[in-house]
């Protein structure tokens, strides 16, 4: 997969979902699109995990802790 941003990956993933929902592509092409979508979804998940870790570090919170736990 070429280097892309989270937003670019999400946009491409949405495009693939629309194509797959139409159900008009041959099986071989559908499988390639599904494989690409799986990789894009994993990439987006990793981006979100990294963002969450960074926000947690910046906020000084323990991973998985809820701010309301101190109340």
N, C-alpha and C. Protein backbone atom coordinates (compact mmCIF):
# COMPACT_ATOMS: atom_id res chain seq x y z
N UNK A 1 0.86 -1.17 0.00
CA UNK A 1 0.00 0.00 0.00
C UNK A 1 0.90 1.23 0.00
N UNK A 2 0.59 2.18 -0.86
CA UNK A 2 1.38 3.41 -0.90
C UNK A 2 1.14 4.23 0.36
N UNK A 3 2.08 5.09 0.68
CA UNK A 3 1.96 5.92 1.89
C UNK A 3 0.79 6.88 1.73
N UNK A 4 -0.10 6.85 2.70
CA UNK A 4 -1.26 7.74 2.65
C UNK A 4 -1.63 8.17 4.06
N UNK A 5 -2.43 9.19 4.12
CA UNK A 5 -2.91 9.68 5.40
C UNK A 5 -4.12 8.86 5.83
N UNK A 6 -4.50 9.05 7.08
CA UNK A 6 -5.71 8.39 7.59
C UNK A 6 -6.92 8.79 6.75
N UNK A 7 -7.02 10.09 6.46
CA UNK A 7 -8.17 10.59 5.70
C UNK A 7 -8.22 10.01 4.29
N UNK A 8 -7.07 9.88 3.65
CA UNK A 8 -7.02 9.29 2.31
C UNK A 8 -7.42 7.82 2.36
N UNK A 9 -6.92 7.11 3.35
CA UNK A 9 -7.24 5.69 3.49
C UNK A 9 -8.73 5.50 3.76
N UNK A 10 -9.29 6.33 4.62
CA UNK A 10 -10.71 6.23 4.94
C UNK A 10 -11.56 6.52 3.71
N UNK A 11 -11.18 7.52 2.93
CA UNK A 11 -11.92 7.85 1.71
C UNK A 11 -11.89 6.68 0.73
N UNK A 12 -10.71 6.09 0.55
CA UNK A 12 -10.59 4.95 -0.37
C UNK A 12 -11.41 3.77 0.15
N UNK A 13 -11.39 3.55 1.45
CA UNK A 13 -12.17 2.47 2.04
C UNK A 13 -13.66 2.67 1.78
N UNK A 14 -14.13 3.90 1.93
CA UNK A 14 -15.53 4.21 1.65
C UNK A 14 -15.87 3.95 0.18
N UNK A 15 -14.95 4.30 -0.72
CA UNK A 15 -15.16 4.06 -2.15
C UNK A 15 -15.29 2.56 -2.42
N UNK A 16 -14.42 1.78 -1.81
CA UNK A 16 -14.45 0.33 -2.01
C UNK A 16 -15.75 -0.26 -1.48
N UNK A 17 -16.19 0.20 -0.33
CA UNK A 17 -17.44 -0.30 0.24
C UNK A 17 -18.60 -0.04 -0.72
N UNK A 18 -18.65 1.15 -1.29
CA UNK A 18 -19.72 1.46 -2.25
C UNK A 18 -19.66 0.54 -3.46
N UNK A 19 -18.47 0.29 -3.97
CA UNK A 19 -18.30 -0.60 -5.13
C UNK A 19 -18.76 -2.01 -4.77
N UNK A 20 -18.33 -2.49 -3.61
CA UNK A 20 -18.69 -3.85 -3.21
C UNK A 20 -20.19 -3.99 -2.95
N UNK A 21 -20.80 -2.95 -2.40
CA UNK A 21 -22.24 -3.00 -2.14
C UNK A 21 -23.05 -3.09 -3.44
N UNK A 22 -22.52 -2.56 -4.52
CA UNK A 22 -23.21 -2.64 -5.81
C UNK A 22 -23.25 -4.07 -6.32
N UNK A 23 -22.23 -4.85 -5.99
CA UNK A 23 -22.20 -6.25 -6.37
C UNK A 23 -22.09 -6.51 -7.86
N UNK A 24 -21.54 -5.56 -8.60
CA UNK A 24 -21.50 -5.70 -10.06
C UNK A 24 -20.13 -6.08 -10.60
N UNK A 25 -19.14 -6.25 -9.75
CA UNK A 25 -17.79 -6.58 -10.20
C UNK A 25 -17.61 -8.09 -10.26
N UNK A 26 -16.74 -8.55 -11.16
CA UNK A 26 -16.42 -9.98 -11.21
C UNK A 26 -15.76 -10.44 -9.91
N UNK A 27 -15.83 -11.72 -9.63
CA UNK A 27 -15.33 -12.27 -8.38
C UNK A 27 -13.87 -11.93 -8.14
N UNK A 28 -13.03 -12.07 -9.14
CA UNK A 28 -11.60 -11.81 -8.97
C UNK A 28 -11.35 -10.36 -8.55
N UNK A 29 -12.04 -9.42 -9.18
CA UNK A 29 -11.89 -8.01 -8.83
C UNK A 29 -12.47 -7.73 -7.45
N UNK A 30 -13.57 -8.37 -7.13
CA UNK A 30 -14.17 -8.22 -5.82
C UNK A 30 -13.22 -8.68 -4.73
N UNK A 31 -12.54 -9.79 -4.95
CA UNK A 31 -11.58 -10.31 -3.98
C UNK A 31 -10.41 -9.35 -3.80
N UNK A 32 -9.92 -8.76 -4.88
CA UNK A 32 -8.82 -7.79 -4.78
C UNK A 32 -9.26 -6.55 -4.00
N UNK A 33 -10.48 -6.09 -4.27
CA UNK A 33 -11.00 -4.93 -3.55
C UNK A 33 -11.18 -5.25 -2.06
N UNK A 34 -11.66 -6.44 -1.78
CA UNK A 34 -11.85 -6.86 -0.38
C UNK A 34 -10.50 -6.91 0.34
N UNK A 35 -9.50 -7.43 -0.34
CA UNK A 35 -8.16 -7.50 0.24
C UNK A 35 -7.62 -6.09 0.51
N UNK A 36 -7.81 -5.19 -0.43
CA UNK A 36 -7.38 -3.81 -0.24
C UNK A 36 -8.13 -3.17 0.93
N UNK A 37 -9.43 -3.41 1.00
CA UNK A 37 -10.25 -2.84 2.07
C UNK A 37 -9.79 -3.35 3.43
N UNK A 38 -9.45 -4.61 3.52
CA UNK A 38 -8.97 -5.18 4.77
C UNK A 38 -7.68 -4.50 5.22
N UNK A 39 -6.77 -4.28 4.29
CA UNK A 39 -5.51 -3.60 4.61
C UNK A 39 -5.77 -2.15 5.02
N UNK A 40 -6.67 -1.49 4.33
CA UNK A 40 -6.99 -0.10 4.67
C UNK A 40 -7.64 0.00 6.04
N UNK A 41 -8.53 -0.93 6.35
CA UNK A 41 -9.18 -0.93 7.67
C UNK A 41 -8.15 -1.14 8.77
N UNK A 42 -7.20 -2.02 8.55
CA UNK A 42 -6.14 -2.26 9.54
C UNK A 42 -5.29 -1.01 9.71
N UNK A 43 -4.95 -0.36 8.60
CA UNK A 43 -4.16 0.87 8.65
C UNK A 43 -4.90 1.95 9.43
N UNK A 44 -6.19 2.12 9.15
CA UNK A 44 -6.99 3.14 9.85
C UNK A 44 -7.06 2.82 11.34
N UNK A 45 -7.22 1.56 11.68
CA UNK A 45 -7.25 1.16 13.08
C UNK A 45 -5.94 1.48 13.79
N UNK A 46 -4.83 1.23 13.12
CA UNK A 46 -3.51 1.55 13.69
C UNK A 46 -3.37 3.06 13.89
N UNK A 47 -3.82 3.83 12.92
CA UNK A 47 -3.76 5.30 13.04
C UNK A 47 -4.55 5.77 14.25
N UNK A 48 -5.75 5.22 14.43
CA UNK A 48 -6.59 5.61 15.56
C UNK A 48 -5.97 5.19 16.88
N UNK A 49 -5.37 4.00 16.92
CA UNK A 49 -4.71 3.54 18.14
C UNK A 49 -3.55 4.46 18.51
N UNK A 50 -2.75 4.84 17.51
CA UNK A 50 -1.63 5.75 17.76
C UNK A 50 -2.12 7.11 18.25
N UNK A 51 -3.19 7.61 17.65
CA UNK A 51 -3.74 8.90 18.06
C UNK A 51 -4.24 8.82 19.50
N UNK A 52 -4.91 7.73 19.84
CA UNK A 52 -5.41 7.56 21.20
C UNK A 52 -4.26 7.51 22.20
N UNK A 53 -3.19 6.80 21.84
CA UNK A 53 -2.03 6.71 22.73
C UNK A 53 -1.40 8.08 22.94
N UNK A 54 -1.32 8.85 21.87
CA UNK A 54 -0.72 10.18 21.96
C UNK A 54 -1.58 11.10 22.83
N UNK A 55 -2.89 11.05 22.62
CA UNK A 55 -3.80 11.88 23.42
C UNK A 55 -3.73 11.47 24.89
N UNK A 56 -3.68 10.18 25.15
CA UNK A 56 -3.58 9.68 26.51
C UNK A 56 -2.29 10.19 27.17
N UNK A 57 -1.18 10.13 26.43
CA UNK A 57 0.10 10.60 26.96
C UNK A 57 0.06 12.10 27.22
N UNK A 58 -0.51 12.85 26.30
CA UNK A 58 -0.58 14.29 26.46
C UNK A 58 -1.49 14.69 27.61
N UNK A 59 -2.54 13.93 27.84
CA UNK A 59 -3.48 14.23 28.91
C UNK A 59 -2.99 13.72 30.26
N UNK A 60 -1.93 12.91 30.24
CA UNK A 60 -1.39 12.38 31.49
C UNK A 60 -2.25 11.29 32.09
N UNK A 61 -3.03 10.61 31.27
CA UNK A 61 -3.90 9.55 31.76
C UNK A 61 -3.23 8.20 31.60
N UNK A 62 -3.64 7.26 32.43
CA UNK A 62 -3.19 5.89 32.26
C UNK A 62 -4.01 5.27 31.14
N UNK A 63 -3.39 4.46 30.26
CA UNK A 63 -4.14 3.81 29.19
C UNK A 63 -5.30 3.00 29.74
N UNK A 64 -6.47 3.19 29.17
CA UNK A 64 -7.66 2.47 29.58
C UNK A 64 -8.38 3.07 30.78
N UNK A 65 -7.79 4.10 31.39
CA UNK A 65 -8.42 4.73 32.55
C UNK A 65 -9.45 5.74 32.08
N UNK A 66 -10.48 5.89 32.88
CA UNK A 66 -11.53 6.85 32.58
C UNK A 66 -11.34 8.04 33.50
N UNK A 67 -11.49 9.25 32.99
CA UNK A 67 -11.29 10.44 33.81
C UNK A 67 -12.22 10.47 35.01
N UNK A 68 -13.40 9.89 34.89
CA UNK A 68 -14.40 9.93 35.95
C UNK A 68 -14.08 8.94 37.08
N UNK A 69 -13.06 8.10 36.91
CA UNK A 69 -12.71 7.11 37.94
C UNK A 69 -12.25 7.76 39.23
N UNK A 70 -11.75 8.99 39.16
CA UNK A 70 -11.24 9.68 40.34
C UNK A 70 -12.35 10.25 41.20
N UNK A 71 -13.57 10.32 40.70
CA UNK A 71 -14.67 10.96 41.41
C UNK A 71 -15.23 10.07 42.48
